[in-house]
Amino acid sequence: ERMEKNGLISRKTDEADKRKTLLFLTDKAKELKEAYDSVSNEMGNIYYRDFTDKEILQFEEYLNRIRVNLEEWSDK
């Protein structure tokens, strides 16, 4: 509801199945996503400058392993 009030999504009842509500990004949300993607790409370029593709892949694999470890720990 908050995203709808902020003009980020719109709702529409599914014509094929009236029980379903379809959600759509508004133009405002699409513009925000484009801005986010631009900043995210720029930051990625800064973070990974002078790293090889292999090093980046290894680093991201390590981060994923840390995430899995933390998830398993928090489930205990």
Protein backbone atom coordinates (compact mmCIF):
# COMPACT_ATOMS: atom_id res chain seq x y z
CA GLU A 1 0.00 0.00 0.00
CA ARG A 2 2.81 2.40 0.83
CA MET A 3 4.44 1.89 -2.57
CA GLU A 4 1.12 2.60 -4.23
CA LYS A 5 0.61 5.74 -2.14
CA ASN A 6 4.11 6.88 -3.12
CA GLY A 7 3.26 6.45 -6.79
CA LEU A 8 5.64 3.56 -7.40
CA ILE A 9 3.16 0.83 -8.33
CA SER A 10 -0.33 0.60 -9.72
CA ARG A 11 -2.82 -2.23 -9.22
CA LYS A 12 -5.21 -3.78 -11.68
CA THR A 13 -7.58 -6.71 -11.33
CA ASP A 14 -6.67 -9.61 -13.60
CA GLU A 15 -9.41 -9.85 -16.23
CA ALA A 16 -8.84 -13.60 -16.62
CA ASP A 17 -9.03 -14.27 -12.88
CA LYS A 18 -10.80 -11.64 -10.79
CA ARG A 19 -9.25 -13.10 -7.62
CA LYS A 20 -5.83 -11.89 -8.72
CA THR A 21 -4.45 -8.39 -8.52
CA LEU A 22 -1.69 -7.46 -10.94
CA LEU A 23 1.01 -5.00 -9.90
CA PHE A 24 2.79 -2.71 -12.32
CA LEU A 25 5.72 -0.33 -11.92
CA THR A 26 4.82 3.27 -12.63
CA ASP A 27 6.96 5.59 -14.75
CA LYS A 28 8.23 7.11 -11.50
CA ALA A 29 9.42 3.69 -10.28
CA LYS A 30 11.03 2.93 -13.63
CA GLU A 31 12.96 6.22 -13.49
CA LEU A 32 14.14 5.45 -9.95
CA LYS A 33 15.25 1.98 -11.05
CA GLU A 34 17.24 3.44 -13.95
CA ALA A 35 18.95 5.88 -11.58
CA TYR A 36 19.70 3.08 -9.11
CA ASP A 37 21.09 0.84 -11.85
CA SER A 38 23.33 3.64 -13.08
CA VAL A 39 24.76 4.31 -9.62
CA SER A 40 25.08 0.59 -8.92
CA ASN A 41 27.05 0.02 -12.13
CA GLU A 42 29.31 2.98 -11.38
CA MET A 43 29.99 1.71 -7.85
CA GLY A 44 30.70 -1.78 -9.21
CA ASN A 45 33.28 -0.29 -11.56
CA ILE A 46 34.92 1.48 -8.63
CA TYR A 47 34.85 -1.58 -6.35
CA TYR A 48 36.24 -3.97 -8.90
CA ARG A 49 38.75 -1.73 -10.65
CA ASP A 50 41.96 -3.66 -11.34
CA PHE A 51 40.34 -7.03 -10.52
CA THR A 52 40.25 -9.76 -13.14
CA ASP A 53 36.94 -11.39 -14.03
CA LYS A 54 38.16 -14.53 -12.27
CA GLU A 55 38.96 -12.60 -9.08
CA ILE A 56 35.54 -10.95 -9.13
CA LEU A 57 33.83 -14.32 -9.54
CA GLN A 58 35.85 -15.82 -6.68
CA PHE A 59 35.09 -12.87 -4.43
CA GLU A 60 31.36 -13.11 -5.14
CA GLU A 61 31.46 -16.86 -4.46
CA TYR A 62 33.11 -16.18 -1.10
CA LEU A 63 30.47 -13.59 -0.25
CA ASN A 64 27.74 -16.06 -1.16
CA ARG A 65 29.28 -18.69 1.11
CA ILE A 66 29.36 -16.15 3.95
CA ARG A 67 25.68 -15.35 3.29
CA VAL A 68 24.76 -19.05 3.40
CA ASN A 69 26.72 -19.51 6.63
CA LEU A 70 24.92 -16.57 8.22
CA GLU A 71 21.52 -17.83 7.09
CA GLU A 72 22.22 -21.28 8.52
CA TRP A 73 23.44 -19.74 11.77
CA SER A 74 20.37 -17.51 12.10
CA ASP A 75 18.03 -20.49 11.57
CA LYS A 76 19.39 -22.17 14.73
